[in-house]
Amino acid sequence: MYKRQVVRLLLRDGRSGTRLDQHRGHRAGRHPAGSADGPTWQTLDERPGEAFAWDRQTRAFTVRSPGTYEKYRLAVDGEAALSEVELLS
């Protein structure tokens, strides 16, 4: 398998037609992690309580502790609707 270092995440909100005051109430923590073998995961970043300002907004995040891994996952705490996740190396 090919190993890659992810240094940025692009996340796009999946909500549409939500009033701005309703939208701001939807906060979720995002925790990307990387693994070299599958069973063992290393947390690369922690962003508790992040929110999108408007529907379909795309936000970029720099990974705070990048590493070179074969597998990546994104854990989400709370209520979230993502329509797109991009891992950039």
C-alpha atoms as a PDB file:
ATOM      1  CA  MET A   1       0.000   0.000   0.000  1.00  0.00           C
ATOM      2  CA  TYR A   2       0.958   3.589  -0.584  1.00  0.00           C
ATOM      3  CA  LYS A   3       1.670   5.820   2.423  1.00  0.00           C
ATOM      4  CA  ARG A   4       0.895   9.512   2.289  1.00  0.00           C
ATOM      5  CA  GLN A   5       1.185  12.466   4.647  1.00  0.00           C
ATOM      6  CA  VAL A   6      -2.035  14.476   4.952  1.00  0.00           C
ATOM      7  CA  VAL A   7      -1.358  18.086   5.951  1.00  0.00           C
ATOM      8  CA  ARG A   8      -4.763  19.722   5.251  1.00  0.00           C
ATOM      9  CA  LEU A   9      -8.423  18.742   5.405  1.00  0.00           C
ATOM     10  CA  LEU A  10     -11.177  20.325   3.350  1.00  0.00           C
ATOM     11  CA  LEU A  11     -14.659  19.774   4.780  1.00  0.00           C
ATOM     12  CA  ARG A  12     -17.862  20.814   3.039  1.00  0.00           C
ATOM     13  CA  ASP A  13     -21.083  21.257   4.965  1.00  0.00           C
ATOM     14  CA  GLY A  14     -23.856  18.972   3.769  1.00  0.00           C
ATOM     15  CA  ARG A  15     -26.819  21.026   4.938  1.00  0.00           C
ATOM     16  CA  SER A  16     -29.008  23.035   2.613  1.00  0.00           C
ATOM     17  CA  GLY A  17     -31.994  25.245   3.222  1.00  0.00           C
ATOM     18  CA  THR A  18     -31.178  25.825   6.891  1.00  0.00           C
ATOM     19  CA  ARG A  19     -31.759  29.261   8.380  1.00  0.00           C
ATOM     20  CA  LEU A  20     -28.551  30.847   9.641  1.00  0.00           C
ATOM     21  CA  ASP A  21     -29.707  30.950  13.272  1.00  0.00           C
ATOM     22  CA  GLN A  22     -30.556  27.224  13.119  1.00  0.00           C
ATOM     23  CA  HIS A  23     -27.303  26.423  11.359  1.00  0.00           C
ATOM     24  CA  ARG A  24     -25.068  28.030  13.988  1.00  0.00           C
ATOM     25  CA  GLY A  25     -26.482  25.706  16.613  1.00  0.00           C
ATOM     26  CA  HIS A  26     -25.032  22.633  14.890  1.00  0.00           C
ATOM     27  CA  ARG A  27     -21.577  22.139  16.318  1.00  0.00           C
ATOM     28  CA  ALA A  28     -19.455  19.037  16.031  1.00  0.00           C
ATOM     29  CA  GLY A  29     -15.962  18.007  17.012  1.00  0.00           C
ATOM     30  CA  ARG A  30     -13.785  16.628  14.258  1.00  0.00           C
ATOM     31  CA  HIS A  31     -10.901  14.269  14.957  1.00  0.00           C
ATOM     32  CA  PRO A  32      -8.843  12.999  11.997  1.00  0.00           C
ATOM     33  CA  ALA A  33      -6.645   9.980  12.670  1.00  0.00           C
ATOM     34  CA  GLY A  34      -4.061   7.985  10.754  1.00  0.00           C
ATOM     35  CA  SER A  35      -3.008   4.334  10.886  1.00  0.00           C
ATOM     36  CA  ALA A  36      -0.102   2.355   9.498  1.00  0.00           C
ATOM     37  CA  ASP A  37      -1.703  -1.031  10.186  1.00  0.00           C
ATOM     38  CA  GLY A  38      -5.498  -0.598  10.673  1.00  0.00           C
ATOM     39  CA  PRO A  39      -6.006  -1.595  14.322  1.00  0.00           C
ATOM     40  CA  THR A  40      -3.844   1.190  15.821  1.00  0.00           C
ATOM     41  CA  TRP A  41      -4.912   4.799  15.197  1.00  0.00           C
ATOM     42  CA  GLN A  42      -3.056   8.032  15.977  1.00  0.00           C
ATOM     43  CA  THR A  43      -5.120  11.202  16.467  1.00  0.00           C
ATOM     44  CA  LEU A  44      -3.723  13.911  14.184  1.00  0.00           C
ATOM     45  CA  ASP A  45      -5.852  16.841  15.269  1.00  0.00           C
ATOM     46  CA  GLU A  46      -8.722  17.695  17.621  1.00  0.00           C
ATOM     47  CA  ARG A  47     -11.265  20.401  16.846  1.00  0.00           C
ATOM     48  CA  PRO A  48     -14.090  20.407  19.391  1.00  0.00           C
ATOM     49  CA  GLY A  49     -17.244  22.411  18.712  1.00  0.00           C
ATOM     50  CA  GLU A  50     -16.517  23.501  15.126  1.00  0.00           C
ATOM     51  CA  ALA A  51     -19.398  24.993  13.136  1.00  0.00           C
ATOM     52  CA  PHE A  52     -20.069  26.091   9.569  1.00  0.00           C
ATOM     53  CA  ALA A  53     -21.270  29.680   9.122  1.00  0.00           C
ATOM     54  CA  TRP A  54     -23.555  28.920   6.150  1.00  0.00           C
ATOM     55  CA  ASP A  55     -24.973  26.030   4.106  1.00  0.00           C
ATOM     56  CA  ARG A  56     -22.538  24.215   1.827  1.00  0.00           C
ATOM     57  CA  GLN A  57     -19.578  26.174   3.216  1.00  0.00           C
ATOM     58  CA  THR A  58     -16.164  24.613   2.615  1.00  0.00           C
ATOM     59  CA  ARG A  59     -13.628  25.013   5.406  1.00  0.00           C
ATOM     60  CA  ALA A  60      -9.918  24.196   5.288  1.00  0.00           C
ATOM     61  CA  PHE A  61      -8.030  22.956   8.329  1.00  0.00           C
ATOM     62  CA  THR A  62      -4.286  22.479   8.701  1.00  0.00           C
ATOM     63  CA  VAL A  63      -3.559  19.161  10.427  1.00  0.00           C
ATOM     64  CA  ARG A  64      -1.754  19.982  13.670  1.00  0.00           C
ATOM     65  CA  SER A  65       0.238  16.713  13.944  1.00  0.00           C
ATOM     66  CA  PRO A  66       0.649  15.283  10.437  1.00  0.00           C
ATOM     67  CA  GLY A  67       2.308  11.932   9.919  1.00  0.00           C
ATOM     68  CA  THR A  68       2.765   9.430   7.100  1.00  0.00           C
ATOM     69  CA  TYR A  69       0.062   6.758   7.169  1.00  0.00           C
ATOM     70  CA  GLU A  70      -1.556   4.154   4.945  1.00  0.00           C
ATOM     71  CA  LYS A  71      -5.111   4.706   6.237  1.00  0.00           C
ATOM     72  CA  TYR A  72      -7.043   7.735   7.416  1.00  0.00           C
ATOM     73  CA  ARG A  73     -10.382   8.226   9.149  1.00  0.00           C
ATOM     74  CA  LEU A  74     -12.412  11.152  10.421  1.00  0.00           C
ATOM     75  CA  ALA A  75     -14.371  10.778  13.669  1.00  0.00           C
ATOM     76  CA  VAL A  76     -17.164  13.279  14.274  1.00  0.00           C
ATOM     77  CA  ASP A  77     -18.700  14.102  17.667  1.00  0.00           C
ATOM     78  CA  GLY A  78     -22.153  15.632  17.812  1.00  0.00           C
ATOM     79  CA  GLU A  79     -24.493  16.466  14.972  1.00  0.00           C
ATOM     80  CA  ALA A  80     -22.788  16.846  11.604  1.00  0.00           C
ATOM     81  CA  ALA A  81     -23.647  16.573   7.936  1.00  0.00           C
ATOM     82  CA  LEU A  82     -20.674  16.587   5.584  1.00  0.00           C
ATOM     83  CA  SER A  83     -21.116  16.376   1.825  1.00  0.00           C
ATOM     84  CA  GLU A  84     -17.406  16.248   1.026  1.00  0.00           C
ATOM     85  CA  VAL A  85     -14.131  15.420   2.775  1.00  0.00           C
ATOM     86  CA  GLU A  86     -10.797  15.977   1.025  1.00  0.00           C
ATOM     87  CA  LEU A  87      -7.420  14.929   2.383  1.00  0.00           C
ATOM     88  CA  LEU A  88      -4.587  17.015   0.946  1.00  0.00           C
ATOM     89  CA  SER A  89      -0.938  16.039   1.028  1.00  0.00           C
END
